[in-house]
Amino acid sequence: MDGIKLLPVIGFTLLLGAMSGCGLTASQHSEGYARLTSPGAEDTDITFSLSLGPTVMNMLAIPLADDPGAQAVVRQLDGLQVRQYRINGDASRVSERLQSLRQQLEAQEWQPAIAVREDGEDTYVLVKQRGETITGVTVINSDGNEVVLVNAMGSFHPAELKALYAGDDPAIARIAATR
């Protein structure tokens, strides 16, 4: 292959390398990063995967100008990961893997904030803190048919969550009140 034909390949490779560190995707180096492991390839199919970094989060905050509280929280996010899986195998094995994921996170200093088991649906919220600052929130949800994993990374205080939330959902109010 001559040098002229290699130039586009080298340029594309450099572009991909630059994009991987430019804030477009969530950083594994963020304090609030949670490794969202698969609940099992043999029992699930991934249906949705999203990873957003600080650059994208700041762009997403722009249309929230009419809600300064929400805009401030979104701007403080370093990243967001979302994974959705369809359960197509043994739901009990998937449940065991999700329990293992929770235990792994707790071993990494994630604090359980909420656990709700209702009508065949399990939802767990874990929070990572440094002093009074929340650096990450991870949600694990499964209803036996699908699994949703969410990890939000950033640096914000519980009072900011209280200011953002003005509704009547007791679960969200408990997170804000207990932190």
Foldseek 3Di string as FASTA:
>chain_A
DDPVVCVVVVVVVVVVVCVVPPFQFADPPFPQDADDDDLDPVFKDWDDKDGGALVVLLVVLVVVVVPVLVSVVSNQWGMKIKIKIFTRHDLVSSVVSVVVSVVVVVVVVWAWQDWDQDPQKIKTWTFHDDVQWTAKIWIWIDNSGMIMIMMIGGTDGLVSQVVNDDDDDVSSVSSSVVD
